[in-house]
Amino acid sequence: MNQGMIIKSNYKNMPVVTCLVDGRLEFLSFVRKSDLGNLYLGRVDHIVKNINAAFIRLSNDNMGYLSLKNVNKCCVLNRKLGPKDDLRQGDEILVQVESEAVKTKKTKLTTCISVSGKYTVITLGKNGVGCSVKLEDAVRNRLIGIVKEDISSITSEYLDRLCGDCFGTIIRTDAAELDPDDAGDILIQDIRNNLDNLLNLLAEAGTRKVYSTFSETSSDEDLLEQHIAKAENYMKLHGISDYEMKDDSGIWGISSKIDELCKNKVWLKSGAFLIIEQLESFNAIDVNTGKAINGKDDIIKKVNLEATKEIIRQIRLRNLTGMILIDFINMKSKEDNEELIEVMKDLCRRDPVHTSFIDITGLGIMELIRNKNDKSLKETLLNC
């Protein structure tokens, strides 16, 4: 049985929560206040047509960027937009932070407001019903089927109240624990609660002054507990129920383990190594044989399979998001390549952040996409 440990520590005066499994760092979360997911009532400062974007003033000294590709009309609060009306300068609009400002990049905003319940998440401006990829296909299909039976009638019921804007639904992992006989009623009620909360939020925003924020302020203790809960969820997701909670005494070498994550070269047990480059538009990972012995049977396949596990671990710990391109060592066997793909798909499915295998390019480069959920380790450490 794997032995787990959740350790509360500090790195360069910043609180951090980590998980060690059999002495190996597997989870890392810096305890800091984040703007991600926060809601603002902003004002359209100006529109740049050639990039199809609006710049939204969130406060006197804070500006964000909003793509005009999908602006939900119910989020424009100072006037009612018709089917052919566009956003214009001076409009007051409810927006949610999709990604935080980094260096010269401004805060990325969206009107696709997400509201979470215990078992479901609804997102304004999206379509369809999905389910957590962490669940087995049979469970996912069953839960999606249950919700789809009633989602059309719910959509029709709320369509006018949302100014014609649609919504999408994601069923969360906890829904798998529901009694199958009760799951339908509970999930539908959870969706209705989320929609009612969204409508209440829009109504409240209509009474607020521009530049209001809807974020909840958490104490340092509450913030720490939130990150510990994430660590406990990671343990649960990986089937580890037997773990200890510790304050860092220095014997586990947490700081040195984080230092290792700042290097672009990562050695594997076989003697092979990875090179990881985090670039502006994508992340590149190169697999090299290094000191691995070329004469061994199936050495290339073994190195590639070993590399997949370490790559996903590094992606998780460094919090690499967006496009990830991986250059594995070339294999001639079609069966070996298919096995590598299946292993990677399985590892992606178990990542706490939604990660998808996309394809293998004509040049043999594997493409992954990972959702933006927070700043990367590199970005976070810029402020240390």
Foldseek 3Di string as FASTA:
>chain_A
DWEKAWEWEDAPNWIKIFMATNLHTQAIDTLDDDQAFWKAFWFFAAADVVQQWTWTDLDPPAIEIEHQPFAQQLQFQPDHDDPPDGDGGGTTGMWTFQAPDFDPHHTYIYNQRWFDDPWKIKTWQDDAEFEQLLDDPVLRVLLSVLQVVCPVVVQVVCCVLSVNIGMYMYTYPVLSVDDSVCSSVVVVVRVVVRSVVVSVVSVVSNVDDHSDIPDDDDDSVVSVVVNVVVVVVLCVSVPHPNYYYYYDPCPSVPNVSVVVLVAQWAAFPQQKIWGWDDDDQEIEIETGCHPHDPPDPPSLLVSLLSVLVVVLSSCNQQVGAAKYKYHGDDDPDPVSVVVSVVSNQVSCSSRPWRKHWDDQDPVRITIMGTRDDYDGNVRVVVVD
